[in-house]
Amino acid sequence: MRLIPPIPHEGATGSEKKVFSLLARMSLGSDAYALSSLNLAEHEYQRWGEIDFFLVLPQGLLAIEVKGGQVRCNDGVWEFEDRLGRVIKKAISPISQAQGGYSSLLKHYIVPEHPRLAMKATGGFCALFPAATRHSVSHLLGGPEMPEDLVGTKEDCVDAASLKQFLDRVVGYWERHLGRQPSRLSGQEAKAIVSILRPSFDRVAPLSLSLHQVREEQFALTEDQYRLLDYLEDCPRIMCTGGAGNGKTFIAVECLRREIDANPVLVTGTDTLAGHLRKSNVPDPQRIFSFSELRANRERLRGAFGTLVVDEGQQVTSNDAIQLFSEVLGQPFQQARWRWFADPNHQVSRTSAFDPGVHAELVAWSVVRPVLKENCRNTPQIVGTVEFLTGSRIGTTRVKGKGPEVEYAKVRGSDQLIDAAAARIRKWVGQDEMAPGQIVLLSTKPVASSSIPLIAHRAGLDYAPWQPGWDLQGCHPRKLGASTVENFRGLESPAVVLCDVEGDFASIERAFYLGLTRANFAVFVACDQTTSDWFVKQRLEALALPR
């Protein structure tokens, strides 16, 4: 049986984790799937009608509602413990809850896409009380509200075999109530149903994403990312490339979470990204290092890990880095287990250690070399602008909703640029869903010597240097964030103001690529119009397009 996602969230209850582990040990073949919502946020969990597991089996579809602790019913009010440790009271039974979740999935997702399969498959629901004995809940069983065949207890969760017997009993119950000879789902049909539901069950928490307009679409994994995660299960070495916004950092963090049994370490190309990830939604922050931190702890960490995950790999593509990674893994790098994520498009800086020869060796040593092509960070407006200004493909955006167009200052002179940027910030903050902390000002210069302090002052707002865990900082959401373009690699913000865009063509092009791709939703470019006109002219000439 294939579990999606392959491990539960650390916040799942003990009962939910137990059922998860039993399903993982159950031998039902490659055409059987168990989708769990154990890693969903509370508000998302609620939208599924509190469904915990949805099984897609050759013999049918089953929704399972799991209740932890002792289950009680007094005067028609049901009491049980939820995944947050709270005692919850409901006026409907666990079976009724399971029925609601099953009906919702069937009606809103499966039937519209595959009505024939919905009719073909045996379908139903059940409830599991892993912590309650049959005797302790016997008075609750029986009748249409809690049929005995549809309720599993502690005795049914002793091991994988006992749980399978219970599930067979549930399937038999629904086959008897189907009123016709049931048909089995083929492997292709089961996969088709899973493909509909997977984006809403298999979620990866973003590093920082707040705007309601784009949150839902940017939150789910893309098809590219699903395929990559599927590779991870058996493949020893993966070299993954993709443009900015293709979700490489999301997947790198997910590798750390899903491969915990392989003793992983996550190494980033920058100190800022490593610090932010350690304060974000990760299970083992002590497994995250920047490359400089790893080098500083070289002796202590020699042979300490079994799997290496590298993000921003283009920053550390050198013989020295490969030697360090080999020491940490305790074996030659070409034989070790690793996942390497890189984006060479306009990302290599003067401080980068990028050796084309080493890159070629990494490609040769990798077993698979997937390329991410779906953008999961930016709106269509941002993607289109970046691809025109830089000539780099950053993928087809998964966001279908319309975002604002990328805005430019359209003024000349530094004083006018500062006023224009401040005015744009005041308008953003005036909107209901844009707080100052959701705006990050990025400069090509150090913050203290940049135009950021003046822009914030004229906007009538305070600013603070962006720090790891920005959303958790005490000054958020009252202050604007401020950072350099270089330090903000791999990170994101709902809105970005790109400042101090100047220099030769290559420098401006790189600033556009690194700066604009950091924004989820809105961008303002504080670039002198003379400079921007000159740059666009050069770009059009390179594309051989009429001006």
Protein backbone atom coordinates (compact mmCIF):
# COMPACT_ATOMS: atom_id res chain seq x y z
CA MET A 1 0.00 0.00 0.00
CA ARG A 2 1.20 3.48 -0.87
CA LEU A 3 0.73 6.17 1.81
CA ILE A 4 0.30 9.80 0.74
CA PRO A 5 2.02 11.65 2.31
CA PRO A 6 4.48 8.93 3.42
CA ILE A 7 4.79 10.15 7.03
CA PRO A 8 2.30 11.85 9.36
CA HIS A 9 2.77 15.32 10.75
CA GLU A 10 4.33 15.47 14.21
CA GLY A 11 1.09 17.05 15.47
CA ALA A 12 -1.02 13.96 14.73
CA THR A 13 -2.55 12.19 17.74
CA GLY A 14 -1.14 8.91 19.03
CA SER A 15 -4.20 7.06 17.72
CA GLU A 16 -3.81 8.57 14.25
CA LYS A 17 -0.11 7.72 14.16
CA LYS A 18 -0.86 4.16 15.19
CA VAL A 19 -3.38 3.68 12.38
CA PHE A 20 -0.89 5.28 9.98
CA SER A 21 1.85 2.84 10.99
CA LEU A 22 -0.47 -0.16 10.66
CA LEU A 23 -1.54 0.91 7.18
CA ALA A 24 2.12 1.36 6.23
CA ARG A 25 2.82 -2.25 7.21
CA MET A 26 -0.20 -3.63 5.41
CA SER A 27 0.53 -5.64 2.24
CA LEU A 28 -2.23 -4.69 -0.17
CA GLY A 29 -0.17 -4.26 -3.34
CA SER A 30 0.98 -1.29 -5.41
CA ASP A 31 -2.57 -0.50 -6.58
CA ALA A 32 -3.74 0.35 -3.05
CA TYR A 33 -3.42 3.88 -1.65
CA ALA A 34 -4.06 5.53 1.71
CA LEU A 35 -4.39 9.32 1.68
CA SER A 36 -4.19 10.97 5.07
CA SER A 37 -4.98 14.51 6.16
CA LEU A 38 -2.83 14.25 9.27
CA ASN A 39 -0.44 16.97 8.11
CA LEU A 40 -3.07 19.55 7.16
CA ALA A 41 -3.52 22.80 9.04
CA GLU A 42 -6.56 22.99 11.28
CA HIS A 43 -8.64 25.12 8.90
CA GLU A 44 -7.88 22.78 6.00
CA TYR A 45 -8.68 19.75 8.12
CA GLN A 46 -12.06 21.24 8.82
CA ARG A 47 -12.84 21.76 5.13
CA TRP A 48 -12.57 18.00 4.56
CA GLY A 49 -15.30 17.27 7.09
CA GLU A 50 -12.64 15.95 9.48
CA ILE A 51 -11.76 12.93 7.36
CA ASP A 52 -8.55 11.28 8.59
CA PHE A 53 -7.84 8.57 6.01
CA PHE A 54 -9.24 7.89 2.57
CA LEU A 55 -8.38 4.48 1.12
CA VAL A 56 -8.39 3.83 -2.61
CA LEU A 57 -8.31 0.04 -2.91
CA PRO A 58 -8.92 -2.35 -5.82
CA GLN A 59 -12.10 -3.47 -4.03
CA GLY A 60 -13.39 0.05 -3.36
CA LEU A 61 -13.16 3.41 -1.62
CA LEU A 62 -13.24 3.86 2.15
CA ALA A 63 -13.24 6.91 4.41
CA ILE A 64 -11.92 6.27 7.94
CA GLU A 65 -12.61 8.54 10.89
CA VAL A 66 -10.17 8.00 13.79
CA LYS A 67 -11.07 9.03 17.34
CA GLY A 68 -8.44 9.16 20.07
CA GLY A 69 -8.87 8.56 23.78
CA GLN A 70 -12.08 7.26 25.24
CA VAL A 71 -15.19 7.94 23.17
CA ARG A 72 -18.31 8.86 25.11
CA CYS A 73 -21.90 9.82 24.32
CA ASN A 74 -24.13 11.58 26.84
CA ASP A 75 -27.65 12.63 25.91
CA GLY A 76 -26.81 12.60 22.22
CA VAL A 77 -23.58 14.61 22.62
CA TRP A 78 -20.40 12.79 21.56
CA GLU A 79 -17.09 13.52 23.28
CA PHE A 80 -13.60 12.57 22.10
CA GLU A 81 -10.07 13.94 21.93
CA ASP A 82 -8.92 15.71 18.76
CA ARG A 83 -5.42 15.96 17.29
CA LEU A 84 -4.71 19.15 19.26
CA GLY A 85 -5.40 17.39 22.56
CA ARG A 86 -8.73 19.13 23.12
CA VAL A 87 -11.91 17.43 24.24
CA ILE A 88 -14.36 17.97 21.41
CA LYS A 89 -18.12 17.72 21.71
CA LYS A 90 -20.31 17.04 18.69
CA ALA A 91 -23.96 16.37 18.11
CA ILE A 92 -23.24 13.78 15.42
CA SER A 93 -21.64 10.37 15.76
CA PRO A 94 -18.18 9.46 14.41
CA ILE A 95 -19.87 7.36 11.73
CA SER A 96 -21.92 10.37 10.66
CA GLN A 97 -18.74 12.43 10.48
CA ALA A 98 -17.10 9.78 8.30
CA GLN A 99 -20.16 9.73 6.09
CA GLY A 100 -20.01 13.51 5.68
CA GLY A 101 -16.35 13.44 4.69
CA TYR A 102 -16.88 10.57 2.26
CA SER A 103 -19.90 12.21 0.64
CA SER A 104 -18.03 15.52 0.29
CA LEU A 105 -15.09 13.91 -1.49
CA LEU A 106 -17.37 11.89 -3.73
CA LYS A 107 -19.68 14.76 -4.66
CA HIS A 108 -17.19 17.60 -5.11
CA TYR A 109 -14.11 15.83 -6.43
CA ILE A 110 -14.51 12.26 -7.70
CA VAL A 111 -17.94 12.37 -9.38
CA PRO A 112 -17.27 15.57 -11.42
CA GLU A 113 -14.02 14.12 -12.79
CA HIS A 114 -14.75 10.39 -13.01
CA PRO A 115 -18.48 9.67 -12.60
CA ARG A 116 -18.10 6.17 -14.05
CA LEU A 117 -15.48 5.20 -11.50
CA ALA A 118 -17.55 6.62 -8.67
CA MET A 119 -20.45 4.38 -9.74
CA LYS A 120 -18.25 1.35 -10.40
CA ALA A 121 -16.40 1.20 -7.10
CA THR A 122 -17.74 -0.10 -3.84
CA GLY A 123 -17.74 2.90 -1.51
CA GLY A 124 -18.29 3.54 2.14
CA PHE A 125 -17.00 4.75 5.48
CA CYS A 126 -16.14 3.54 8.96
CA ALA A 127 -14.76 4.69 12.33
CA LEU A 128 -11.78 3.52 14.39
CA PHE A 129 -11.27 3.89 18.15
CA PRO A 130 -7.69 2.55 18.60
CA ALA A 131 -7.52 3.42 22.31
CA ALA A 132 -10.95 2.07 23.31
CA THR A 133 -11.73 -1.61 23.92
CA ARG A 134 -14.77 -3.25 22.38
CA HIS A 135 -16.25 -3.73 25.84
CA SER A 136 -15.86 -0.05 26.81
CA VAL A 137 -17.88 1.16 23.79
CA SER A 138 -20.27 -1.78 23.41
CA HIS A 139 -23.15 0.34 24.70
CA LEU A 140 -22.57 2.81 21.84
CA LEU A 141 -22.74 0.22 19.08
CA GLY A 142 -25.73 -0.99 17.12
CA GLY A 143 -28.52 0.68 15.18
CA PRO A 144 -28.25 2.88 12.09
CA GLU A 145 -26.07 5.52 13.78
CA MET A 146 -23.23 3.17 14.81
CA PRO A 147 -23.44 -0.21 13.00
CA GLU A 148 -21.15 -2.72 14.69
CA ASP A 149 -19.49 -3.82 11.44
CA LEU A 150 -18.37 -0.25 10.73
CA VAL A 151 -16.69 0.45 14.09
CA GLY A 152 -13.18 -0.76 14.87
CA THR A 153 -11.66 -0.73 18.36
CA LYS A 154 -8.39 -1.48 20.12
CA GLU A 155 -8.74 -5.17 19.32
CA ASP A 156 -8.79 -4.33 15.60
CA CYS A 157 -5.56 -2.33 15.87
CA VAL A 158 -3.29 -4.90 17.50
CA ASP A 159 -1.28 -5.31 14.31
CA ALA A 160 -1.55 -4.87 10.53
CA ALA A 161 -3.29 -8.24 10.14
CA SER A 162 -6.07 -7.38 12.60
CA LEU A 163 -6.65 -4.01 10.94
CA LYS A 164 -6.84 -5.70 7.54
CA GLN A 165 -9.48 -8.08 8.89
CA PHE A 166 -11.49 -5.09 10.06
CA LEU A 167 -11.19 -3.34 6.69
CA ASP A 168 -12.26 -6.54 4.92
CA ARG A 169 -15.29 -6.63 7.21
CA VAL A 170 -16.13 -3.03 6.32
CA VAL A 171 -15.76 -3.66 2.59
CA GLY A 172 -17.99 -6.74 2.94
CA TYR A 173 -20.62 -4.64 4.71
CA TRP A 174 -20.73 -2.10 1.88
CA GLU A 175 -20.70 -4.78 -0.80
CA ARG A 176 -23.79 -6.32 0.77
CA HIS A 177 -25.48 -2.90 0.79
CA LEU A 178 -24.50 -2.03 -2.77
CA GLY A 179 -27.37 -3.95 -4.32
CA ARG A 180 -25.27 -5.17 -7.24
CA GLN A 181 -22.19 -7.22 -8.01
CA PRO A 182 -19.20 -5.01 -7.13
CA SER A 183 -16.43 -4.33 -9.64
CA ARG A 184 -12.75 -3.98 -8.86
CA LEU A 185 -10.77 -0.87 -9.71
CA SER A 186 -7.81 -1.38 -12.00
CA GLY A 187 -4.44 0.10 -11.08
CA GLN A 188 -4.92 2.87 -13.65
CA GLU A 189 -8.39 3.69 -12.32
CA ALA A 190 -7.16 3.84 -8.72
CA LYS A 191 -4.33 6.12 -9.80
CA ALA A 192 -6.81 8.41 -11.60
CA ILE A 193 -8.82 8.86 -8.40
CA VAL A 194 -5.70 9.50 -6.34
CA SER A 195 -4.51 12.15 -8.81
CA ILE A 196 -7.72 14.13 -8.17
CA LEU A 197 -7.40 14.04 -4.38
CA ARG A 198 -3.65 14.14 -3.85
CA PRO A 199 -3.10 17.91 -4.20
CA SER A 200 -5.46 18.52 -1.28
CA PHE A 201 -4.07 15.80 1.00
CA ASP A 202 -0.34 15.95 0.29
CA ARG A 203 0.62 19.47 1.35
CA VAL A 204 3.93 21.18 2.04
CA ALA A 205 3.86 24.21 4.31
CA PRO A 206 5.35 27.25 2.55
CA LEU A 207 8.19 29.24 4.12
CA SER A 208 6.01 32.35 4.29
CA LEU A 209 2.83 32.94 2.38
CA SER A 210 -0.03 35.05 3.67
CA LEU A 211 -2.19 36.53 0.94
CA HIS A 212 -5.52 34.80 0.61
CA GLN A 213 -5.73 35.41 -3.15
CA VAL A 214 -2.82 33.12 -4.00
CA ARG A 215 -2.40 30.94 -0.92
CA GLU A 216 -4.51 27.97 -1.92
CA GLU A 217 -3.03 27.61 -5.40
CA GLN A 218 0.58 28.07 -4.31
CA PHE A 219 0.21 25.80 -1.28
CA ALA A 220 -0.35 22.47 -3.06
CA LEU A 221 2.46 20.51 -4.63
CA THR A 222 2.76 20.51 -8.41
CA GLU A 223 2.81 17.47 -10.67
CA ASP A 224 6.56 18.00 -11.19
CA GLN A 225 7.10 17.94 -7.44
CA TYR A 226 4.98 14.80 -7.00
CA ARG A 227 7.10 12.97 -9.56
CA LEU A 228 10.27 14.10 -7.84
CA LEU A 229 9.04 12.97 -4.41
CA ASP A 230 8.14 9.61 -5.96
CA TYR A 231 11.73 9.27 -7.23
CA LEU A 232 13.06 9.82 -3.73
CA GLU A 233 11.74 6.57 -2.36
CA ASP A 234 14.27 4.35 -4.12
CA CYS A 235 16.80 6.54 -5.91
CA PRO A 236 20.24 7.02 -4.29
CA ARG A 237 21.34 10.21 -6.11
CA ILE A 238 19.21 12.94 -7.66
CA MET A 239 20.32 16.11 -9.45
CA CYS A 240 17.31 18.43 -9.69
CA THR A 241 17.38 21.74 -11.56
CA GLY A 242 14.75 24.39 -12.04
CA GLY A 243 14.15 28.11 -12.21
CA ALA A 244 13.33 30.40 -9.32
CA GLY A 245 9.88 29.71 -7.90
CA ASN A 246 9.80 26.03 -8.95
CA GLY A 247 9.65 24.90 -5.32
CA LYS A 248 13.16 23.49 -4.93
CA THR A 249 13.45 24.67 -1.32
CA PHE A 250 9.99 23.28 -0.48
CA ILE A 251 11.03 19.90 -1.81
CA ALA A 252 14.43 20.03 -0.09
CA VAL A 253 12.69 20.56 3.25
CA GLU A 254 10.22 17.81 2.44
CA CYS A 255 13.16 15.48 1.68
CA LEU A 256 14.44 16.15 5.18
CA ARG A 257 11.05 15.26 6.63
CA ARG A 258 10.24 12.23 4.51
CA GLU A 259 13.69 10.63 4.64
CA ILE A 260 14.20 10.86 8.38
CA ASP A 261 14.90 7.12 8.57
CA ALA A 262 17.88 7.65 6.22
CA ASN A 263 19.55 10.06 8.70
CA PRO A 264 19.47 13.18 6.46
CA VAL A 265 21.16 16.57 6.68
CA LEU A 266 20.02 19.66 4.74
CA VAL A 267 22.74 22.08 3.61
CA THR A 268 21.92 25.48 2.10
CA GLY A 269 24.10 27.80 0.07
CA THR A 270 23.45 30.80 2.35
CA ASP A 271 23.42 31.41 6.11
CA THR A 272 20.17 33.39 5.87
CA LEU A 273 18.19 30.55 4.30
CA ALA A 274 19.54 28.00 6.77
CA GLY A 275 18.59 30.22 9.70
CA HIS A 276 15.10 30.79 8.33
CA LEU A 277 14.48 27.10 7.70
CA ARG A 278 15.50 26.24 11.25
CA LYS A 279 12.76 28.57 12.50
CA SER A 280 10.18 27.37 9.99
CA ASN A 281 7.97 24.32 9.82
CA VAL A 282 10.66 21.61 9.97
CA PRO A 283 10.74 18.54 12.24
CA ASP A 284 14.50 18.50 13.04
CA PRO A 285 16.06 21.98 12.82
CA GLN A 286 19.35 20.64 14.18
CA ARG A 287 19.75 18.80 10.86
CA ILE A 288 19.94 22.07 8.89
CA PHE A 289 23.24 23.85 8.20
CA SER A 290 24.48 26.49 5.82
CA PHE A 291 27.60 25.44 3.94
CA SER A 292 29.77 27.76 6.05
CA GLU A 293 28.27 26.30 9.25
CA LEU A 294 28.91 22.76 8.05
CA ARG A 295 32.52 23.64 7.25
CA ALA A 296 32.97 25.20 10.70
CA ASN A 297 31.77 21.93 12.30
CA ARG A 298 33.72 19.70 9.92
CA GLU A 299 35.45 17.51 12.51
CA ARG A 300 32.44 17.10 14.77
CA LEU A 301 30.15 16.07 11.89
CA ARG A 302 32.53 13.67 10.15
CA GLY A 303 30.50 10.57 9.17
CA ALA A 304 27.47 11.89 11.09
CA PHE A 305 24.82 11.60 8.35
CA GLY A 306 23.55 9.06 5.84
CA THR A 307 21.78 11.28 3.31
CA LEU A 308 22.67 14.75 2.03
CA VAL A 309 20.14 17.31 0.76
CA VAL A 310 21.65 20.43 -0.82
CA ASP A 311 19.62 23.54 -1.64
CA GLU A 312 21.04 26.48 -3.63
CA GLY A 313 23.60 23.98 -4.87
CA GLN A 314 24.97 26.39 -7.48
CA GLN A 315 26.54 28.30 -4.59
CA VAL A 316 28.71 25.34 -3.52
CA THR A 317 29.56 23.48 -6.73
CA SER A 318 33.29 23.01 -6.06
CA ASN A 319 35.84 20.30 -5.33
CA ASP A 320 36.22 21.59 -1.77
CA ALA A 321 32.47 21.25 -1.18
CA ILE A 322 32.39 17.72 -2.59
CA GLN A 323 35.26 16.73 -0.30
CA LEU A 324 33.46 18.19 2.73
CA PHE A 325 30.21 16.41 1.83
CA SER A 326 32.08 13.12 1.40
CA GLU A 327 33.53 13.50 4.90
CA VAL A 328 30.15 14.25 6.44
CA LEU A 329 28.61 11.21 4.72
CA GLY A 330 31.58 8.98 5.49
CA GLN A 331 31.99 7.69 1.93
CA PRO A 332 32.96 8.84 -1.58
CA PHE A 333 30.40 11.31 -2.90
CA GLN A 334 29.82 9.43 -6.17
CA GLN A 335 28.66 6.42 -4.10
CA ALA A 336 26.73 8.26 -1.39
CA ARG A 337 23.03 9.06 -1.08
CA TRP A 338 22.19 12.68 -1.93
CA ARG A 339 19.61 15.07 -3.42
CA TRP A 340 21.06 18.16 -5.12
CA PHE A 341 18.86 21.17 -5.99
CA ALA A 342 20.28 23.97 -8.12
CA ASP A 343 19.35 26.92 -10.34
CA PRO A 344 22.26 28.33 -12.39
CA ASN A 345 20.10 31.04 -14.04
CA HIS A 346 21.55 34.40 -12.97
CA GLN A 347 22.20 32.89 -9.54
CA VAL A 348 25.97 32.53 -9.57
CA SER A 349 27.53 35.49 -7.76
CA ARG A 350 31.10 36.64 -7.23
CA THR A 351 31.12 34.79 -3.91
CA SER A 352 29.75 31.57 -5.43
CA ALA A 353 31.99 28.54 -5.77
CA PHE A 354 30.64 27.25 -9.07
CA ASP A 355 32.93 24.98 -11.07
CA PRO A 356 31.43 23.81 -14.42
CA GLY A 357 33.61 20.70 -14.28
CA VAL A 358 32.27 19.73 -10.85
CA HIS A 359 28.74 20.39 -12.09
CA ALA A 360 29.35 17.97 -14.96
CA GLU A 361 30.57 15.34 -12.49
CA LEU A 362 27.44 15.78 -10.36
CA VAL A 363 25.29 15.26 -13.42
CA ALA A 364 27.24 12.10 -14.30
CA TRP A 365 27.04 10.69 -10.77
CA SER A 366 23.30 11.32 -10.39
CA VAL A 367 20.94 8.47 -11.22
CA VAL A 368 18.02 10.69 -12.27
CA ARG A 369 18.08 14.35 -13.31
CA PRO A 370 14.55 15.79 -13.08
CA VAL A 371 13.86 19.35 -14.20
CA LEU A 372 11.13 21.30 -12.40
CA LYS A 373 9.05 23.30 -14.86
CA GLU A 374 6.00 24.34 -12.84
CA ASN A 375 6.21 27.62 -10.97
CA CYS A 376 4.50 27.47 -7.58
CA ARG A 377 5.61 30.79 -6.09
CA ASN A 378 4.66 33.59 -8.48
CA THR A 379 1.57 34.90 -10.25
CA PRO A 380 1.37 34.79 -14.07
CA GLN A 381 2.12 38.51 -14.16
CA ILE A 382 5.41 38.08 -12.28
CA VAL A 383 6.43 35.01 -14.29
CA GLY A 384 5.83 36.77 -17.61
CA THR A 385 7.76 39.86 -16.55
CA VAL A 386 10.77 37.89 -15.27
CA GLU A 387 10.96 35.78 -18.41
CA PHE A 388 10.91 38.88 -20.63
CA LEU A 389 13.40 40.91 -18.60
CA THR A 390 15.91 38.10 -18.05
CA GLY A 391 15.36 35.65 -20.89
CA SER A 392 15.17 32.80 -18.33
CA ARG A 393 12.36 30.30 -18.27
CA ILE A 394 11.01 29.91 -14.75
CA GLY A 395 8.15 27.57 -15.56
CA THR A 396 4.44 27.55 -16.16
CA THR A 397 2.72 29.08 -13.16
CA ARG A 398 0.15 26.94 -11.37
CA VAL A 399 -1.62 30.08 -10.11
CA LYS A 400 -4.77 30.63 -12.13
CA GLY A 401 -5.99 33.71 -10.28
CA LYS A 402 -5.12 37.15 -11.62
CA GLY A 403 -2.57 39.14 -9.70
CA PRO A 404 -1.57 42.78 -10.17
CA GLU A 405 0.82 43.73 -12.94
CA VAL A 406 4.45 44.35 -12.01
CA GLU A 407 4.78 48.14 -11.48
CA TYR A 408 7.68 50.43 -12.31
CA ALA A 409 8.47 53.85 -10.86
CA LYS A 410 8.32 55.67 -14.23
CA VAL A 411 10.20 58.64 -12.79
CA ARG A 412 13.75 59.99 -13.07
CA GLY A 413 16.03 60.89 -10.20
CA SER A 414 16.60 59.24 -6.83
CA ASP A 415 14.29 61.56 -4.89
CA GLN A 416 11.35 60.84 -7.20
CA LEU A 417 12.10 57.09 -7.01
CA ILE A 418 11.89 57.19 -3.22
CA ASP A 419 8.56 59.08 -3.32
CA ALA A 420 7.11 56.65 -5.87
CA ALA A 421 8.10 53.58 -3.86
CA ALA A 422 6.74 55.12 -0.63
CA ALA A 423 3.43 55.93 -2.35
CA ARG A 424 3.11 52.35 -3.60
CA ILE A 425 3.73 50.98 -0.12
CA ARG A 426 1.09 53.27 1.41
CA LYS A 427 -1.45 51.99 -1.13
CA TRP A 428 -0.59 48.36 -0.40
CA VAL A 429 -0.90 48.87 3.35
CA GLY A 430 -4.21 50.60 2.80
CA GLN A 431 -5.63 47.38 1.40
CA ASP A 432 -7.32 45.06 3.85
CA GLU A 433 -4.98 42.08 3.43
CA MET A 434 -1.57 43.76 3.18
CA ALA A 435 0.29 44.43 6.41
CA PRO A 436 3.69 46.19 6.52
CA GLY A 437 5.37 42.93 7.50
CA GLN A 438 4.15 41.31 4.30
CA ILE A 439 6.27 43.76 2.29
CA VAL A 440 10.03 43.27 1.94
CA LEU A 441 12.28 45.94 0.46
CA LEU A 442 15.21 44.38 -1.41
CA SER A 443 18.27 46.34 -2.45
CA THR A 444 21.38 45.55 -4.45
CA LYS A 445 23.30 47.50 -1.77
CA PRO A 446 23.76 46.94 1.98
CA VAL A 447 20.57 48.09 3.71
CA ALA A 448 22.22 50.92 5.69
CA SER A 449 23.64 52.53 2.53
CA SER A 450 20.62 51.81 0.34
CA SER A 451 17.47 53.82 -0.37
CA ILE A 452 15.45 51.59 1.97
CA PRO A 453 15.62 53.82 5.08
CA LEU A 454 14.38 56.86 3.13
CA ILE A 455 11.59 54.90 1.42
CA ALA A 456 10.31 53.59 4.76
CA HIS A 457 10.49 57.05 6.32
CA ARG A 458 8.48 58.68 3.52
CA ALA A 459 5.97 55.84 3.64
CA GLY A 460 5.42 56.72 7.30
CA LEU A 461 6.48 53.26 8.46
CA ASP A 462 9.31 51.73 10.43
CA TYR A 463 11.49 49.03 8.92
CA ALA A 464 13.61 46.26 10.39
CA PRO A 465 16.32 44.09 8.86
CA TRP A 466 14.66 40.88 7.69
CA GLN A 467 15.63 38.03 10.00
CA PRO A 468 15.13 34.25 9.94
CA GLY A 469 11.63 33.41 11.12
CA TRP A 470 10.39 36.84 10.03
CA ASP A 471 6.73 35.95 10.53
CA LEU A 472 7.52 35.11 14.17
CA GLN A 473 9.44 38.30 14.91
CA GLY A 474 7.89 40.72 17.39
CA CYS A 475 8.06 43.57 14.88
CA HIS A 476 6.01 41.62 12.33
CA PRO A 477 3.53 42.68 10.99
CA ARG A 478 4.06 46.31 12.10
CA LYS A 479 7.34 46.97 10.27
CA LEU A 480 8.53 46.64 6.72
CA GLY A 481 11.16 44.00 6.10
CA ALA A 482 14.52 44.99 4.60
CA SER A 483 17.24 42.85 3.05
CA THR A 484 19.73 42.65 0.23
CA VAL A 485 18.91 40.73 -2.92
CA GLU A 486 21.77 38.32 -2.20
CA ASN A 487 20.71 37.53 1.36
CA PHE A 488 17.12 36.88 0.33
CA ARG A 489 17.99 33.92 -1.92
CA GLY A 490 15.57 31.02 -1.59
CA LEU A 491 13.11 33.11 0.42
CA GLU A 492 9.82 34.80 -0.45
CA SER A 493 7.38 37.50 0.55
CA PRO A 494 3.84 38.39 -0.54
CA ALA A 495 5.07 41.77 -1.84
CA VAL A 496 8.52 43.03 -2.84
CA VAL A 497 9.91 46.50 -3.53
CA LEU A 498 13.11 46.18 -5.56
CA CYS A 499 15.43 49.16 -4.92
CA ASP A 500 18.72 50.55 -6.22
CA VAL A 501 18.62 48.78 -9.57
CA GLU A 502 21.68 50.06 -11.41
CA GLY A 503 24.94 49.01 -13.06
CA ASP A 504 25.72 47.25 -16.33
CA PHE A 505 23.27 45.10 -18.27
CA ALA A 506 24.28 41.82 -16.58
CA SER A 507 24.01 43.32 -13.07
CA ILE A 508 20.53 44.73 -13.72
CA GLU A 509 19.37 41.49 -15.35
CA ARG A 510 20.54 39.52 -12.34
CA ALA A 511 18.87 41.93 -9.91
CA PHE A 512 15.58 41.53 -11.77
CA TYR A 513 15.83 37.74 -11.66
CA LEU A 514 16.76 37.45 -7.99
CA GLY A 515 14.51 40.27 -6.80
CA LEU A 516 11.27 39.81 -8.74
CA THR A 517 11.12 36.04 -8.22
CA ARG A 518 11.00 36.54 -4.44
CA ALA A 519 7.44 37.93 -4.61
CA ASN A 520 4.34 35.76 -4.36
CA PHE A 521 1.86 38.38 -5.41
CA ALA A 522 2.97 41.98 -5.99
CA VAL A 523 6.15 43.75 -7.14
CA PHE A 524 7.19 47.38 -7.39
CA VAL A 525 10.47 48.18 -9.17
CA ALA A 526 12.11 51.42 -8.00
CA CYS A 527 14.36 51.78 -11.03
CA ASP A 528 15.12 55.09 -12.74
CA GLN A 529 13.15 55.30 -15.99
CA THR A 530 16.22 56.21 -18.00
CA THR A 531 17.89 53.03 -16.77
CA SER A 532 14.83 50.85 -17.31
CA ASP A 533 14.25 52.25 -20.82
CA TRP A 534 17.88 51.55 -21.72
CA PHE A 535 17.66 48.02 -20.33
CA VAL A 536 14.42 47.20 -22.18
CA LYS A 537 15.94 48.55 -25.41
CA GLN A 538 18.89 46.20 -24.99
CA ARG A 539 16.56 43.29 -24.27
CA LEU A 540 14.41 43.97 -27.32
CA GLU A 541 17.48 44.17 -29.52
CA ALA A 542 18.66 40.83 -28.13
CA LEU A 543 15.29 39.34 -28.97
CA ALA A 544 15.28 40.99 -32.40
CA LEU A 545 11.85 42.45 -31.69
CA PRO A 546 10.53 45.81 -32.96
CA ARG A 547 10.53 48.56 -30.32
